[in-house]
């Protein structure tokens, strides 16, 4: 018989391999990240500071000038003020100050450079019969796009724009107006409230309902219809609007040596 042999097992220490060092893929240090954020923030602030409406005291002066033009007998007291961008039927943006009074919706074109109110479009609130809100849309073959949402106010649902009006970029006889957010709405809390289109829609709906009850129009269905649906802009090519919107030609902007 063979002799019994004893086998002793020794524990083996396992050593994990060290991870391979990889080159830096971006600014990972706190200083680098902060520097990148400062650069982005500074660039955005530079772009926004070009708007004359942000100059100290400019918006207050504009509201004072516009309220002085409100007809107390015809319009009544002012209940709300908004700073928005009006989008026309050719997708052009234009800076507007909008007021809701006892009896009227006032759409004001104000020159923030010369501090002068150039035009006021007055719409009786009892004429407002439909308010739609939602994202913007274009015809199927259109080359244009627009991000974000807006509000469209109708004051004559029975009248359709004529053929000549649809193809005239300067026409002003459309029976509705379309609004969207102003570019400066995120600059601070005050302008966030001034540019909020949801509060505008809600307050306009309430004011129009009251106006319909107070002064109904004979032979017309009184009341306001509120719909959540896409806002169609029937524009197909829009080279003029593309150039104008990219360069913010509808806003009072500091434009260097070229001027405004």
Protein backbone atom coordinates (compact mmCIF):
# COMPACT_ATOMS: atom_id res chain seq x y z
CA UNK A 1 0.00 0.00 0.00
CA UNK A 2 1.15 3.49 -0.75
CA UNK A 3 1.86 5.92 2.00
CA UNK A 4 -0.71 8.72 2.68
CA UNK A 5 0.50 12.17 1.70
CA UNK A 6 -0.84 15.43 3.08
CA UNK A 7 -1.29 18.32 0.62
CA UNK A 8 -1.30 21.84 2.07
CA UNK A 9 -3.15 24.63 0.10
CA UNK A 10 -1.76 28.15 0.44
CA UNK A 11 -4.10 31.16 -0.04
CA UNK A 12 -3.31 33.32 -3.04
CA UNK A 13 -3.85 37.09 -2.82
CA UNK A 14 -5.69 38.41 -5.91
CA UNK A 15 -4.53 41.84 -7.08
CA UNK A 16 -7.00 43.87 -9.16
CA UNK A 17 -5.45 45.40 -12.25
CA UNK A 18 -5.09 49.18 -12.17
CA UNK A 19 -7.43 50.98 -14.55
CA UNK A 20 -5.88 52.40 -17.65
CA UNK A 21 -5.42 56.13 -17.66
CA UNK A 22 -7.50 57.90 -20.27
CA UNK A 23 -6.94 61.33 -21.66
CA UNK A 24 -9.25 64.17 -20.64
CA UNK A 25 -12.50 64.32 -22.58
CA UNK A 26 -13.67 67.74 -21.44
CA UNK A 27 -13.41 70.38 -18.75
CA UNK A 28 -13.87 68.18 -15.70
CA UNK A 29 -12.21 70.32 -13.06
CA UNK A 30 -14.44 72.71 -11.12
CA UNK A 31 -12.51 75.73 -12.42
CA UNK A 32 -12.86 74.63 -16.03
CA UNK A 33 -16.58 73.95 -15.70
CA UNK A 34 -17.16 77.30 -14.00
CA UNK A 35 -15.18 79.06 -16.70
CA UNK A 36 -17.30 77.43 -19.40
CA UNK A 37 -20.52 78.38 -17.64
CA UNK A 38 -19.32 81.95 -17.21
CA UNK A 39 -18.49 82.14 -20.91
CA UNK A 40 -21.95 80.89 -21.94
CA UNK A 41 -23.69 83.15 -19.44
CA UNK A 42 -21.67 86.19 -20.51
CA UNK A 43 -22.43 85.57 -24.19
CA UNK A 44 -26.16 85.22 -23.53
CA UNK A 45 -26.20 88.34 -21.37
CA UNK A 46 -24.38 90.28 -24.08
CA UNK A 47 -27.01 89.30 -26.63
CA UNK A 48 -29.89 90.18 -24.31
CA UNK A 49 -28.41 93.51 -23.21
CA UNK A 50 -28.73 94.72 -26.80
CA UNK A 51 -32.51 95.03 -26.32
CA UNK A 52 -33.38 98.63 -25.51
CA UNK A 53 -36.34 97.48 -23.41
CA UNK A 54 -33.83 96.23 -20.81
CA UNK A 55 -32.20 99.63 -20.34
CA UNK A 56 -32.91 100.95 -16.83
CA UNK A 57 -36.19 102.85 -16.70
CA UNK A 58 -37.12 102.19 -20.34
CA UNK A 59 -40.02 99.83 -19.68
CA UNK A 60 -41.39 102.07 -16.93
CA UNK A 61 -41.29 105.06 -19.29
CA UNK A 62 -43.04 103.05 -22.00
CA UNK A 63 -45.87 102.05 -19.66
CA UNK A 64 -46.26 105.63 -18.49
CA UNK A 65 -46.43 106.91 -22.09
CA UNK A 66 -48.91 104.27 -23.22
CA UNK A 67 -51.21 104.58 -20.21
CA UNK A 68 -51.37 108.34 -20.83
CA UNK A 69 -52.89 107.56 -24.26
CA UNK A 70 -55.60 105.27 -22.87
CA UNK A 71 -59.04 106.79 -23.30
CA UNK A 72 -60.76 106.47 -19.94
CA UNK A 73 -64.23 106.99 -21.42
CA UNK A 74 -63.79 104.41 -24.17
CA UNK A 75 -61.31 101.93 -22.66
CA UNK A 76 -61.65 102.27 -18.90
CA UNK A 77 -58.97 101.28 -16.39
CA UNK A 78 -55.90 99.20 -17.26
CA UNK A 79 -55.93 95.75 -15.65
CA UNK A 80 -52.88 94.07 -17.19
CA UNK A 81 -49.76 94.79 -19.23
CA UNK A 82 -47.61 92.34 -21.22
CA UNK A 83 -44.47 92.51 -23.33
CA UNK A 84 -44.75 90.02 -26.19
CA UNK A 85 -43.78 89.33 -29.77
CA UNK A 86 -46.50 89.51 -32.41
CA UNK A 87 -46.19 87.00 -35.25
CA UNK A 88 -47.87 88.01 -38.50
CA UNK A 89 -49.24 85.83 -41.31
CA UNK A 90 -45.78 85.74 -42.97
CA UNK A 91 -44.03 84.60 -39.76
CA UNK A 92 -42.45 88.00 -39.05
CA UNK A 93 -41.86 88.86 -35.38
CA UNK A 94 -42.53 92.33 -34.04
CA UNK A 95 -42.10 93.70 -30.53
CA UNK A 96 -45.38 94.72 -28.91
CA UNK A 97 -46.73 96.03 -25.60
CA UNK A 98 -50.24 94.67 -24.97
CA UNK A 99 -52.76 96.04 -22.48
CA UNK A 100 -56.11 94.76 -21.25
CA UNK A 101 -58.54 97.39 -20.01
CA UNK A 102 -62.18 97.32 -18.94
CA UNK A 103 -63.43 97.40 -22.52
CA UNK A 104 -60.50 97.04 -24.91
CA UNK A 105 -57.50 95.01 -25.95
CA UNK A 106 -54.72 97.46 -26.88
CA UNK A 107 -51.81 96.29 -29.07
CA UNK A 108 -49.12 98.97 -29.00
CA UNK A 109 -46.12 99.49 -31.23
CA UNK A 110 -43.62 101.31 -29.02
CA UNK A 111 -40.23 102.65 -30.06
CA UNK A 112 -37.94 101.87 -27.12
CA UNK A 113 -35.12 103.84 -28.75
CA UNK A 114 -36.93 107.17 -29.12
CA UNK A 115 -39.37 106.42 -26.25
CA UNK A 116 -42.40 107.04 -28.42
CA UNK A 117 -45.65 105.14 -28.96
CA UNK A 118 -46.02 104.90 -32.74
CA UNK A 119 -49.33 103.08 -33.07
CA UNK A 120 -52.15 101.57 -31.00
CA UNK A 121 -54.55 98.96 -32.36
CA UNK A 122 -57.75 99.02 -30.32
CA UNK A 123 -59.97 95.90 -30.26
CA UNK A 124 -63.22 96.01 -28.26
CA UNK A 125 -63.32 93.08 -25.86
CA UNK A 126 -66.93 92.25 -26.76
CA UNK A 127 -65.70 91.61 -30.33
CA UNK A 128 -63.28 88.89 -29.16
CA UNK A 129 -65.02 85.59 -29.93
CA UNK A 130 -62.27 82.96 -30.03
CA UNK A 131 -58.88 82.39 -28.37
CA UNK A 132 -56.64 79.52 -29.47
CA UNK A 133 -53.35 78.45 -27.94
CA UNK A 134 -50.77 75.80 -28.79
CA UNK A 135 -47.63 75.15 -30.81
CA UNK A 136 -47.01 76.71 -34.20
CA UNK A 137 -47.52 74.76 -37.41
CA UNK A 138 -46.98 75.35 -41.12
CA UNK A 139 -48.36 73.84 -44.33
CA UNK A 140 -46.94 70.47 -45.36
CA UNK A 141 -44.68 71.87 -48.10
CA UNK A 142 -43.53 74.91 -46.17
CA UNK A 143 -39.81 75.49 -45.64
CA UNK A 144 -40.38 77.41 -42.40
CA UNK A 145 -40.33 76.26 -38.79
CA UNK A 146 -41.02 77.96 -35.47
CA UNK A 147 -40.39 76.54 -32.01
CA UNK A 148 -42.47 77.24 -28.94
CA UNK A 149 -46.09 78.06 -28.33
CA UNK A 150 -48.32 81.05 -28.81
CA UNK A 151 -51.78 82.58 -28.41
CA UNK A 152 -54.06 83.71 -31.24
CA UNK A 153 -56.92 86.14 -30.59
CA UNK A 154 -59.86 86.29 -33.06
CA UNK A 155 -62.39 89.10 -33.13
CA UNK A 156 -64.42 88.19 -36.23
CA UNK A 157 -64.70 84.43 -36.68
CA UNK A 158 -67.04 84.81 -39.67
CA UNK A 159 -64.64 86.84 -41.79
CA UNK A 160 -61.86 85.04 -43.65
CA UNK A 161 -58.77 86.89 -44.96
CA UNK A 162 -58.99 87.68 -48.67
CA UNK A 163 -56.65 86.18 -51.25
CA UNK A 164 -54.82 89.48 -51.71
CA UNK A 165 -54.34 89.82 -47.95
CA UNK A 166 -52.81 86.35 -47.67
CA UNK A 167 -50.10 87.25 -50.17
CA UNK A 168 -49.51 90.80 -48.97
CA UNK A 169 -46.81 90.85 -46.26
CA UNK A 170 -47.81 94.40 -45.21
CA UNK A 171 -51.56 93.89 -44.83
CA UNK A 172 -53.15 94.81 -41.50
CA UNK A 173 -56.76 93.71 -42.09
CA UNK A 174 -56.44 90.20 -40.66
CA UNK A 175 -59.23 89.42 -38.15
CA UNK A 176 -56.81 88.00 -35.59
CA UNK A 177 -53.46 88.60 -33.90
CA UNK A 178 -50.90 86.00 -32.84
CA UNK A 179 -48.50 86.40 -29.93
CA UNK A 180 -45.55 84.45 -28.58
CA UNK A 181 -42.86 84.90 -25.94
CA UNK A 182 -40.51 87.88 -26.06
CA UNK A 183 -36.80 86.90 -26.17
CA UNK A 184 -36.03 88.69 -22.86
CA UNK A 185 -38.58 86.76 -20.79
CA UNK A 186 -35.93 84.85 -18.80
CA UNK A 187 -33.73 87.82 -17.91
CA UNK A 188 -35.30 88.28 -14.45
CA UNK A 189 -38.50 87.72 -12.50
CA UNK A 190 -40.12 90.97 -13.58
CA UNK A 191 -39.78 90.29 -17.29
CA UNK A 192 -40.81 86.67 -16.80
CA UNK A 193 -44.14 87.95 -15.47
CA UNK A 194 -44.43 90.63 -18.18
CA UNK A 195 -43.86 88.10 -20.97
CA UNK A 196 -46.05 85.26 -19.67
CA UNK A 197 -48.56 84.40 -22.41
CA UNK A 198 -50.53 81.96 -20.25
CA UNK A 199 -51.54 84.67 -17.78
CA UNK A 200 -52.38 86.90 -20.76
CA UNK A 201 -54.68 84.23 -22.20
CA UNK A 202 -56.44 83.62 -18.90
CA UNK A 203 -56.98 87.29 -18.10
CA UNK A 204 -58.10 88.08 -21.66
CA UNK A 205 -60.65 85.25 -21.56
CA UNK A 206 -62.09 86.52 -18.29
CA UNK A 207 -62.19 90.15 -19.44
CA UNK A 208 -63.82 89.26 -22.78
CA UNK A 209 -66.50 87.16 -21.07
CA UNK A 210 -67.37 90.09 -18.83
CA UNK A 211 -67.48 92.46 -21.82
CA UNK A 212 -69.88 90.13 -23.67
CA UNK A 213 -72.23 90.07 -20.69
CA UNK A 214 -72.02 93.82 -20.16
CA UNK A 215 -72.37 94.86 -23.80
CA UNK A 216 -73.63 92.03 -26.04
CA UNK A 217 -73.61 92.48 -29.83
CA UNK A 218 -77.07 92.08 -31.42
CA UNK A 219 -77.32 89.26 -33.94
CA UNK A 220 -74.06 87.65 -32.86
CA UNK A 221 -73.40 84.65 -30.64
CA UNK A 222 -71.89 86.18 -27.53
CA UNK A 223 -69.17 84.42 -25.58
CA UNK A 224 -65.56 83.36 -26.00
CA UNK A 225 -64.52 79.98 -27.37
CA UNK A 226 -61.12 78.80 -26.04
CA UNK A 227 -59.37 76.05 -28.00
CA UNK A 228 -56.07 74.22 -27.56
CA UNK A 229 -54.87 73.53 -31.10
CA UNK A 230 -51.87 74.20 -33.40
CA UNK A 231 -51.54 77.77 -34.66
CA UNK A 232 -51.27 77.53 -38.44
CA UNK A 233 -49.12 80.10 -40.27
CA UNK A 234 -49.83 79.83 -44.00
CA UNK A 235 -46.40 80.79 -45.24
CA UNK A 236 -44.25 78.59 -47.48
CA UNK A 237 -40.86 80.17 -48.27
CA UNK A 238 -40.57 83.29 -46.12
CA UNK A 239 -37.04 84.42 -46.98
CA UNK A 240 -37.86 87.91 -45.72
CA UNK A 241 -39.13 86.60 -42.37
CA UNK A 242 -36.12 84.28 -42.01
CA UNK A 243 -33.66 87.16 -42.44
CA UNK A 244 -35.72 89.51 -40.29
CA UNK A 245 -36.23 87.07 -37.41
CA UNK A 246 -32.60 85.93 -37.38
CA UNK A 247 -31.44 89.54 -37.09
CA UNK A 248 -34.30 90.58 -34.76
CA UNK A 249 -35.34 93.38 -37.13
CA UNK A 250 -38.74 93.60 -35.45
CA UNK A 251 -37.18 94.60 -32.12
CA UNK A 252 -35.58 97.79 -30.83
CA UNK A 253 -32.00 96.56 -30.69
CA UNK A 254 -28.58 98.19 -30.35
CA UNK A 255 -26.97 97.51 -33.73
CA UNK A 256 -23.54 99.06 -33.41
CA UNK A 257 -22.49 101.64 -35.95
CA UNK A 258 -25.34 100.76 -38.33
CA UNK A 259 -28.02 102.11 -36.03
CA UNK A 260 -31.63 101.10 -35.81
